[in-house]
Amino acid sequence: MFKKFKKIEIEDEVLSRMQDNVEQAISLLPTTDILQGRLVKNVSLLSASTVKVSHKLGRPPVGWIIVRQRASAIIWDSQDSNANPSLTLDLNCSANVTVDLYVF
């Protein structure tokens, strides 16, 4: 997802140190969980059942954020009892609703 920082070889000592500082600052971005997420759009949740949402992270999610909700509902996960957390996010809701999620 993130490209490796490419340092340009130059003779200017100040610019070289600046590049070192930039490289150090951005080197941690690829390891930050929230930046390694996926947007999952148009998830239809039904109040009477647990909906298994395929998140495609290749690992259990750390968390999730509703980025768009099309009706009033309380939404919660049941990940503690999910048999396949590396594949799905198990969601429940208080009323039928369609949401967009950012899963990370």
N, C-alpha and C. Protein backbone atom coordinates (compact mmCIF):
# COMPACT_ATOMS: atom_id res chain seq x y z
N MET A 1 0.82 -1.19 0.00
CA MET A 1 0.00 0.00 0.00
C MET A 1 0.87 1.27 0.00
N PHE A 2 1.89 1.30 0.83
CA PHE A 2 2.78 2.44 0.89
C PHE A 2 4.04 2.15 0.09
N LYS A 3 4.49 3.13 -0.68
CA LYS A 3 5.75 2.99 -1.40
C LYS A 3 6.91 3.28 -0.46
N LYS A 4 8.02 2.61 -0.71
CA LYS A 4 9.22 2.85 0.08
C LYS A 4 9.77 4.23 -0.25
N PHE A 5 10.21 4.94 0.78
CA PHE A 5 10.80 6.26 0.61
C PHE A 5 12.11 6.13 -0.15
N LYS A 6 12.28 6.93 -1.21
CA LYS A 6 13.51 6.91 -1.98
C LYS A 6 14.31 8.17 -1.67
N LYS A 7 15.46 7.97 -1.09
CA LYS A 7 16.34 9.09 -0.79
C LYS A 7 17.15 9.43 -2.04
N ILE A 8 17.20 10.70 -2.36
CA ILE A 8 17.97 11.18 -3.50
C ILE A 8 19.37 11.53 -3.02
N GLU A 9 20.36 10.95 -3.65
CA GLU A 9 21.75 11.21 -3.27
C GLU A 9 22.15 12.61 -3.76
N ILE A 10 22.45 13.46 -2.80
CA ILE A 10 22.86 14.83 -3.11
C ILE A 10 24.04 15.21 -2.22
N GLU A 11 24.75 16.23 -2.60
CA GLU A 11 25.91 16.66 -1.83
C GLU A 11 25.56 17.70 -0.76
N ASP A 12 24.40 18.30 -0.83
CA ASP A 12 24.00 19.31 0.14
C ASP A 12 23.69 18.63 1.48
N GLU A 13 24.48 18.94 2.50
CA GLU A 13 24.36 18.30 3.82
C GLU A 13 23.01 18.59 4.48
N VAL A 14 22.52 19.80 4.35
CA VAL A 14 21.25 20.18 4.98
C VAL A 14 20.09 19.40 4.34
N LEU A 15 20.05 19.34 3.03
CA LEU A 15 18.99 18.60 2.35
C LEU A 15 19.10 17.10 2.63
N SER A 16 20.29 16.60 2.75
CA SER A 16 20.49 15.19 3.06
C SER A 16 19.94 14.85 4.45
N ARG A 17 20.22 15.71 5.44
CA ARG A 17 19.68 15.50 6.79
C ARG A 17 18.16 15.63 6.81
N MET A 18 17.63 16.56 6.00
CA MET A 18 16.18 16.73 5.93
C MET A 18 15.54 15.45 5.38
N GLN A 19 16.14 14.87 4.36
CA GLN A 19 15.63 13.61 3.81
C GLN A 19 15.67 12.50 4.86
N ASP A 20 16.74 12.47 5.65
CA ASP A 20 16.84 11.47 6.72
C ASP A 20 15.71 11.63 7.72
N ASN A 21 15.39 12.88 8.08
CA ASN A 21 14.31 13.14 9.03
C ASN A 21 12.95 12.74 8.45
N VAL A 22 12.72 13.04 7.18
CA VAL A 22 11.47 12.67 6.53
C VAL A 22 11.35 11.15 6.47
N GLU A 23 12.44 10.48 6.09
CA GLU A 23 12.42 9.02 6.01
C GLU A 23 12.10 8.39 7.36
N GLN A 24 12.71 8.92 8.41
CA GLN A 24 12.46 8.40 9.76
C GLN A 24 11.00 8.62 10.17
N ALA A 25 10.46 9.80 9.85
CA ALA A 25 9.09 10.13 10.24
C ALA A 25 8.06 9.26 9.54
N ILE A 26 8.27 8.97 8.27
CA ILE A 26 7.26 8.20 7.53
C ILE A 26 7.50 6.70 7.57
N SER A 27 8.61 6.26 8.10
CA SER A 27 8.91 4.83 8.11
C SER A 27 7.92 4.03 8.97
N LEU A 28 7.28 4.67 9.94
CA LEU A 28 6.33 3.97 10.80
C LEU A 28 4.92 3.88 10.22
N LEU A 29 4.63 4.65 9.19
CA LEU A 29 3.27 4.65 8.62
C LEU A 29 2.80 3.27 8.17
N PRO A 30 3.61 2.48 7.48
CA PRO A 30 3.12 1.16 7.05
C PRO A 30 2.81 0.20 8.20
N THR A 31 3.27 0.47 9.39
CA THR A 31 3.01 -0.42 10.52
C THR A 31 1.84 0.06 11.38
N THR A 32 1.23 1.16 11.02
CA THR A 32 0.11 1.71 11.77
C THR A 32 -1.18 1.02 11.32
N ASP A 33 -1.81 0.27 12.23
CA ASP A 33 -2.98 -0.55 11.89
C ASP A 33 -4.09 0.23 11.20
N ILE A 34 -4.41 1.40 11.69
CA ILE A 34 -5.57 2.13 11.15
C ILE A 34 -5.34 2.55 9.70
N LEU A 35 -4.08 2.67 9.29
CA LEU A 35 -3.79 3.03 7.91
C LEU A 35 -3.75 1.82 6.98
N GLN A 36 -3.86 0.64 7.55
CA GLN A 36 -3.82 -0.60 6.75
C GLN A 36 -5.21 -1.20 6.59
N GLY A 37 -6.22 -0.36 6.51
CA GLY A 37 -7.59 -0.84 6.45
C GLY A 37 -8.17 -0.89 5.06
N ARG A 38 -9.44 -1.27 5.02
CA ARG A 38 -10.20 -1.36 3.76
C ARG A 38 -11.58 -0.77 3.96
N LEU A 39 -12.04 -0.09 2.94
CA LEU A 39 -13.40 0.45 2.92
C LEU A 39 -14.33 -0.61 2.35
N VAL A 40 -15.37 -0.95 3.09
CA VAL A 40 -16.36 -1.93 2.63
C VAL A 40 -17.69 -1.17 2.50
N LYS A 41 -18.20 -1.08 1.28
CA LYS A 41 -19.39 -0.28 1.01
C LYS A 41 -20.65 -1.11 0.92
N ASN A 42 -21.76 -0.46 1.21
CA ASN A 42 -23.11 -1.01 1.03
C ASN A 42 -23.32 -2.35 1.72
N VAL A 43 -23.01 -2.39 3.00
CA VAL A 43 -23.23 -3.59 3.80
C VAL A 43 -24.65 -3.53 4.36
N SER A 44 -25.48 -4.49 4.00
CA SER A 44 -26.86 -4.55 4.48
C SER A 44 -26.89 -5.37 5.76
N LEU A 45 -27.30 -4.73 6.85
CA LEU A 45 -27.39 -5.40 8.15
C LEU A 45 -28.86 -5.63 8.48
N LEU A 46 -29.16 -6.81 9.01
CA LEU A 46 -30.52 -7.18 9.37
C LEU A 46 -30.60 -7.36 10.87
N SER A 47 -31.61 -6.80 11.48
CA SER A 47 -31.71 -6.79 12.94
C SER A 47 -31.90 -8.19 13.53
N ALA A 48 -32.37 -9.14 12.78
CA ALA A 48 -32.67 -10.46 13.34
C ALA A 48 -31.50 -11.44 13.26
N SER A 49 -30.37 -11.02 12.66
CA SER A 49 -29.28 -11.98 12.48
C SER A 49 -27.91 -11.32 12.52
N THR A 50 -26.88 -12.15 12.71
CA THR A 50 -25.50 -11.70 12.61
C THR A 50 -25.11 -11.74 11.14
N VAL A 51 -24.56 -10.64 10.65
CA VAL A 51 -24.12 -10.57 9.26
C VAL A 51 -22.61 -10.69 9.23
N LYS A 52 -22.12 -11.63 8.42
CA LYS A 52 -20.69 -11.84 8.26
C LYS A 52 -20.21 -10.98 7.10
N VAL A 53 -19.36 -10.00 7.40
CA VAL A 53 -18.86 -9.07 6.40
C VAL A 53 -17.44 -9.48 6.04
N SER A 54 -17.19 -9.77 4.77
CA SER A 54 -15.86 -10.11 4.30
C SER A 54 -15.02 -8.83 4.28
N HIS A 55 -13.93 -8.81 5.04
CA HIS A 55 -13.12 -7.58 5.13
C HIS A 55 -11.86 -7.62 4.29
N LYS A 56 -11.38 -8.78 3.88
CA LYS A 56 -10.23 -8.96 2.98
C LYS A 56 -8.93 -8.37 3.52
N LEU A 57 -8.78 -8.32 4.83
CA LEU A 57 -7.54 -7.82 5.43
C LEU A 57 -6.45 -8.88 5.47
N GLY A 58 -6.85 -10.14 5.50
CA GLY A 58 -5.89 -11.21 5.62
C GLY A 58 -5.39 -11.41 7.04
N ARG A 59 -6.06 -10.81 7.98
CA ARG A 59 -5.74 -10.90 9.41
C ARG A 59 -6.98 -10.48 10.18
N PRO A 60 -7.04 -10.81 11.47
CA PRO A 60 -8.18 -10.32 12.25
C PRO A 60 -8.15 -8.79 12.33
N PRO A 61 -9.29 -8.14 12.20
CA PRO A 61 -9.31 -6.67 12.31
C PRO A 61 -9.02 -6.20 13.73
N VAL A 62 -8.42 -5.04 13.82
CA VAL A 62 -8.20 -4.39 15.12
C VAL A 62 -9.45 -3.61 15.51
N GLY A 63 -10.11 -3.06 14.51
CA GLY A 63 -11.32 -2.28 14.77
C GLY A 63 -12.04 -1.93 13.48
N TRP A 64 -13.12 -1.18 13.62
CA TRP A 64 -13.90 -0.76 12.47
C TRP A 64 -14.61 0.54 12.79
N ILE A 65 -14.87 1.30 11.74
CA ILE A 65 -15.52 2.61 11.89
C ILE A 65 -16.65 2.69 10.86
N ILE A 66 -17.80 3.15 11.29
CA ILE A 66 -18.89 3.41 10.34
C ILE A 66 -18.59 4.75 9.68
N VAL A 67 -18.46 4.75 8.36
CA VAL A 67 -18.20 6.00 7.65
C VAL A 67 -19.44 6.56 6.98
N ARG A 68 -20.46 5.70 6.82
CA ARG A 68 -21.76 6.16 6.32
C ARG A 68 -22.82 5.20 6.83
N GLN A 69 -23.91 5.77 7.36
CA GLN A 69 -25.01 4.97 7.90
C GLN A 69 -26.30 5.56 7.35
N ARG A 70 -27.10 4.72 6.70
CA ARG A 70 -28.26 5.21 5.97
C ARG A 70 -29.58 5.18 6.73
N ALA A 71 -29.57 4.77 7.99
CA ALA A 71 -30.78 4.78 8.83
C ALA A 71 -30.34 4.72 10.29
N SER A 72 -31.26 5.02 11.16
CA SER A 72 -30.96 4.99 12.58
C SER A 72 -30.91 3.55 13.08
N ALA A 73 -29.78 3.17 13.70
CA ALA A 73 -29.62 1.81 14.24
C ALA A 73 -28.40 1.81 15.16
N ILE A 74 -28.42 0.92 16.13
CA ILE A 74 -27.26 0.67 16.97
C ILE A 74 -26.55 -0.53 16.36
N ILE A 75 -25.25 -0.41 16.15
CA ILE A 75 -24.49 -1.47 15.49
C ILE A 75 -23.37 -1.92 16.41
N TRP A 76 -23.19 -3.25 16.54
CA TRP A 76 -22.12 -3.78 17.37
C TRP A 76 -21.57 -5.04 16.71
N ASP A 77 -20.37 -5.43 17.12
CA ASP A 77 -19.80 -6.65 16.56
C ASP A 77 -19.88 -7.79 17.56
N SER A 78 -19.75 -9.00 17.03
CA SER A 78 -19.68 -10.20 17.87
C SER A 78 -18.39 -10.96 17.53
N GLN A 79 -17.30 -10.21 17.40
CA GLN A 79 -16.01 -10.79 17.03
C GLN A 79 -15.48 -11.78 18.06
N ASP A 80 -15.82 -11.61 19.31
CA ASP A 80 -15.32 -12.52 20.35
C ASP A 80 -15.76 -13.96 20.11
N SER A 81 -16.87 -14.14 19.40
CA SER A 81 -17.34 -15.49 19.11
C SER A 81 -17.21 -15.84 17.62
N ASN A 82 -16.53 -15.03 16.86
CA ASN A 82 -16.35 -15.26 15.43
C ASN A 82 -15.33 -16.38 15.21
N ALA A 83 -15.72 -17.43 14.51
CA ALA A 83 -14.83 -18.57 14.24
C ALA A 83 -13.77 -18.26 13.18
N ASN A 84 -14.01 -17.24 12.35
CA ASN A 84 -13.08 -16.87 11.28
C ASN A 84 -12.77 -15.37 11.26
N PRO A 85 -12.17 -14.82 12.30
CA PRO A 85 -11.94 -13.38 12.34
C PRO A 85 -10.96 -12.88 11.28
N SER A 86 -10.12 -13.75 10.74
CA SER A 86 -9.21 -13.33 9.67
C SER A 86 -9.94 -13.13 8.34
N LEU A 87 -11.16 -13.65 8.25
CA LEU A 87 -11.92 -13.55 7.01
C LEU A 87 -13.12 -12.61 7.10
N THR A 88 -13.79 -12.61 8.27
CA THR A 88 -15.03 -11.84 8.37
C THR A 88 -15.09 -10.99 9.63
N LEU A 89 -15.93 -9.98 9.54
CA LEU A 89 -16.31 -9.15 10.68
C LEU A 89 -17.78 -9.48 10.93
N ASP A 90 -18.10 -9.97 12.11
CA ASP A 90 -19.48 -10.34 12.43
C ASP A 90 -20.19 -9.14 13.07
N LEU A 91 -21.23 -8.64 12.40
CA LEU A 91 -21.95 -7.46 12.88
C LEU A 91 -23.41 -7.77 13.19
N ASN A 92 -23.91 -7.05 14.17
CA ASN A 92 -25.32 -7.12 14.58
C ASN A 92 -25.85 -5.69 14.64
N CYS A 93 -27.18 -5.55 14.59
CA CYS A 93 -27.76 -4.21 14.66
C CYS A 93 -29.16 -4.26 15.27
N SER A 94 -29.60 -3.10 15.70
CA SER A 94 -30.91 -2.99 16.34
C SER A 94 -32.05 -2.79 15.35
N ALA A 95 -31.73 -2.41 14.10
CA ALA A 95 -32.73 -2.21 13.05
C ALA A 95 -32.05 -2.43 11.70
N ASN A 96 -32.84 -2.78 10.70
CA ASN A 96 -32.26 -2.97 9.37
C ASN A 96 -31.62 -1.67 8.90
N VAL A 97 -30.40 -1.78 8.37
CA VAL A 97 -29.66 -0.59 7.96
C VAL A 97 -28.59 -0.98 6.96
N THR A 98 -28.24 -0.06 6.09
CA THR A 98 -27.12 -0.23 5.17
C THR A 98 -26.02 0.74 5.57
N VAL A 99 -24.80 0.22 5.64
CA VAL A 99 -23.67 1.03 6.10
C VAL A 99 -22.46 0.85 5.18
N ASP A 100 -21.57 1.82 5.24
CA ASP A 100 -20.22 1.70 4.69
C ASP A 100 -19.29 1.67 5.88
N LEU A 101 -18.30 0.76 5.86
CA LEU A 101 -17.39 0.56 7.00
C LEU A 101 -15.95 0.73 6.57
N TYR A 102 -15.14 1.24 7.46
CA TYR A 102 -13.69 1.20 7.29
C TYR A 102 -13.20 0.20 8.31
N VAL A 103 -12.67 -0.92 7.84
CA VAL A 103 -12.21 -2.00 8.72
C VAL A 103 -10.69 -1.96 8.71
N PHE A 104 -10.09 -1.97 9.89
CA PHE A 104 -8.62 -1.91 9.98
C PHE A 104 -8.08 -2.89 10.97
